Amino acid sequence: MDDIYRDEVMEHYKNPRNFGSLEGADVVVEESNASCGDEVRVSLKLGNNQSPSIKHQVIKDIKFQGQGCAVSMAFTSLLIERVKEEGWGVEELKDKSEEDLVKLVGGDGVSPARQKCLRMGIKALRKAVAKISSNF
């Protein structure tokens, strides 16, 4: 991982984006890593709730809370920020693989030993999408 990107990761750790609780969230999921104690909670607010189709569900807002190492918190912040920037709906996220999301946040250069930390936010987001999808 080059130094410029490492600086961005540390900035997200020190000043996480979209961090906090989300009032009126439609979906809240948690993910944790028992071996190190890292925890993350992802909350989503959906739009077009009247639509009978998952294809019309958009992510109106998304936030996270948690505690953990720099890798888990920074990459969750990066993920949430990028999802909001892309303006993806539930269907687009459902079509993304875990590897697609690792690439989205630039996690390709993270060491194998830190992959669990990197993927915690990704797993929580995918769990939220699966929960939404099961309701349709």
Protein backbone atom coordinates (compact mmCIF):
# COMPACT_ATOMS: atom_id res chain seq x y z
CA MET A 1 0.00 0.00 0.00
CA ASP A 2 1.57 3.32 -1.02
CA ASP A 3 2.08 6.16 1.46
CA ILE A 4 -0.54 8.46 -0.07
CA TYR A 5 -3.23 5.82 0.30
CA ARG A 6 -1.99 4.93 3.78
CA ASP A 7 -2.48 8.62 4.70
CA GLU A 8 -6.09 8.45 3.47
CA VAL A 9 -6.71 5.33 5.55
CA MET A 10 -5.28 7.00 8.68
CA GLU A 11 -7.39 10.10 8.02
CA HIS A 12 -10.52 7.91 7.89
CA TYR A 13 -9.48 6.24 11.14
CA LYS A 14 -8.92 9.55 12.93
CA ASN A 15 -11.98 11.25 11.39
CA PRO A 16 -14.42 8.54 10.26
CA ARG A 17 -17.08 9.63 7.79
CA ASN A 18 -20.76 8.82 8.36
CA PHE A 19 -20.05 7.68 11.90
CA GLY A 20 -22.88 7.66 14.41
CA SER A 21 -26.39 6.43 14.94
CA LEU A 22 -29.06 6.70 12.27
CA GLU A 23 -32.49 7.64 13.59
CA GLY A 24 -35.31 5.73 11.94
CA ALA A 25 -33.02 3.16 10.31
CA ASP A 26 -34.82 0.47 8.34
CA VAL A 27 -32.02 -2.07 8.78
CA VAL A 28 -29.37 -2.40 11.47
CA VAL A 29 -26.79 -5.18 11.46
CA GLU A 30 -23.73 -5.96 13.51
CA GLU A 31 -20.51 -7.76 12.77
CA SER A 32 -17.69 -8.55 15.16
CA ASN A 33 -14.36 -10.27 15.30
CA ALA A 34 -14.26 -12.26 18.52
CA SER A 35 -10.52 -12.90 18.25
CA CYS A 36 -9.61 -9.21 18.53
CA GLY A 37 -12.76 -7.55 19.87
CA ASP A 38 -13.47 -5.29 16.87
CA GLU A 39 -17.18 -4.48 16.41
CA VAL A 40 -19.12 -2.59 13.78
CA ARG A 41 -22.81 -1.74 13.39
CA VAL A 42 -24.14 -0.60 10.01
CA SER A 43 -27.50 1.19 9.77
CA LEU A 44 -29.39 1.84 6.54
CA LYS A 45 -32.36 4.00 5.72
CA LEU A 46 -34.12 3.03 2.51
CA GLY A 47 -36.04 5.09 0.00
CA ASN A 48 -39.04 4.05 -2.11
CA ASN A 49 -40.32 1.92 0.75
CA GLN A 50 -43.75 1.73 -0.92
CA SER A 51 -42.36 -0.10 -3.92
CA PRO A 52 -43.03 -3.83 -3.99
CA SER A 53 -39.74 -4.43 -5.81
CA ILE A 54 -36.25 -4.57 -4.38
CA LYS A 55 -35.04 -3.00 -7.65
CA HIS A 56 -36.54 0.31 -6.55
CA GLN A 57 -35.04 0.38 -3.07
CA VAL A 58 -32.35 3.02 -2.77
CA ILE A 59 -30.08 3.70 0.14
CA LYS A 60 -31.28 7.05 1.41
CA ASP A 61 -28.72 7.18 4.21
CA ILE A 62 -26.11 4.90 5.74
CA LYS A 63 -24.02 5.20 8.88
CA PHE A 64 -21.83 3.04 11.04
CA GLN A 65 -20.70 2.81 14.62
CA GLY A 66 -18.06 0.67 16.15
CA GLN A 67 -14.79 0.23 17.87
CA GLY A 68 -11.68 -1.50 16.77
CA CYS A 69 -8.33 -1.24 15.14
CA ALA A 70 -7.36 1.38 12.57
CA VAL A 71 -7.87 -1.07 9.69
CA SER A 72 -11.41 -2.12 10.61
CA MET A 73 -12.65 1.41 11.39
CA ALA A 74 -10.89 3.18 8.50
CA PHE A 75 -11.97 0.71 5.84
CA THR A 76 -15.55 0.69 7.12
CA SER A 77 -15.54 4.49 6.89
CA LEU A 78 -14.12 4.32 3.36
CA LEU A 79 -16.73 1.74 2.36
CA ILE A 80 -19.70 3.70 3.69
CA GLU A 81 -18.42 6.90 2.09
CA ARG A 82 -17.94 5.25 -1.30
CA VAL A 83 -21.37 3.58 -1.22
CA LYS A 84 -22.96 6.96 -0.53
CA GLU A 85 -20.91 8.66 -3.25
CA GLU A 86 -21.87 6.02 -5.81
CA GLY A 87 -25.54 6.37 -4.88
CA TRP A 88 -26.09 2.64 -5.17
CA GLY A 89 -29.41 1.02 -4.52
CA VAL A 90 -29.95 -2.31 -2.85
CA GLU A 91 -29.93 -4.19 -6.15
CA GLU A 92 -26.53 -2.77 -7.16
CA LEU A 93 -25.05 -3.69 -3.80
CA LYS A 94 -26.57 -7.14 -3.99
CA ASP A 95 -24.72 -7.67 -7.28
CA LYS A 96 -21.34 -6.71 -5.78
CA SER A 97 -19.12 -9.50 -4.53
CA GLU A 98 -17.01 -9.20 -1.42
CA GLU A 99 -13.97 -8.88 -3.67
CA ASP A 100 -15.64 -6.04 -5.63
CA LEU A 101 -16.07 -4.16 -2.37
CA VAL A 102 -12.48 -4.84 -1.28
CA LYS A 103 -11.34 -3.27 -4.56
CA LEU A 104 -13.77 -0.37 -4.10
CA VAL A 105 -12.00 0.64 -0.88
CA GLY A 106 -8.52 -0.11 -2.19
CA GLY A 107 -7.98 -3.01 0.16
CA ASP A 108 -5.99 -5.10 -2.31
CA GLY A 109 -2.69 -4.18 -0.63
CA VAL A 110 -3.74 -5.06 2.91
CA SER A 111 -1.77 -7.96 4.33
CA PRO A 112 -3.44 -11.35 4.70
CA ALA A 113 -3.15 -11.05 8.49
CA ARG A 114 -5.35 -7.91 8.44
CA GLN A 115 -7.97 -9.11 5.93
CA LYS A 116 -10.48 -9.98 8.68
CA CYS A 117 -10.24 -6.41 9.93
CA LEU A 118 -10.58 -4.97 6.44
CA ARG A 119 -13.61 -7.11 5.62
CA MET A 120 -15.62 -6.52 8.80
CA GLY A 121 -17.53 -3.50 7.40
CA ILE A 122 -17.97 -5.29 4.08
CA LYS A 123 -19.47 -8.32 5.81
CA ALA A 124 -21.84 -6.08 7.79
CA LEU A 125 -22.98 -4.27 4.64
CA ARG A 126 -23.53 -7.55 2.79
CA LYS A 127 -25.47 -8.86 5.81
CA ALA A 128 -27.69 -5.74 5.67
CA VAL A 129 -28.34 -6.25 1.95
CA ALA A 130 -29.19 -9.92 2.54
CA LYS A 131 -31.60 -8.92 5.31
CA ILE A 132 -33.31 -6.39 3.03
CA SER A 133 -33.46 -8.89 0.17
CA SER A 134 -35.07 -11.54 2.37
CA ASN A 135 -37.94 -9.14 3.13
CA PHE A 136 -38.91 -8.89 -0.58
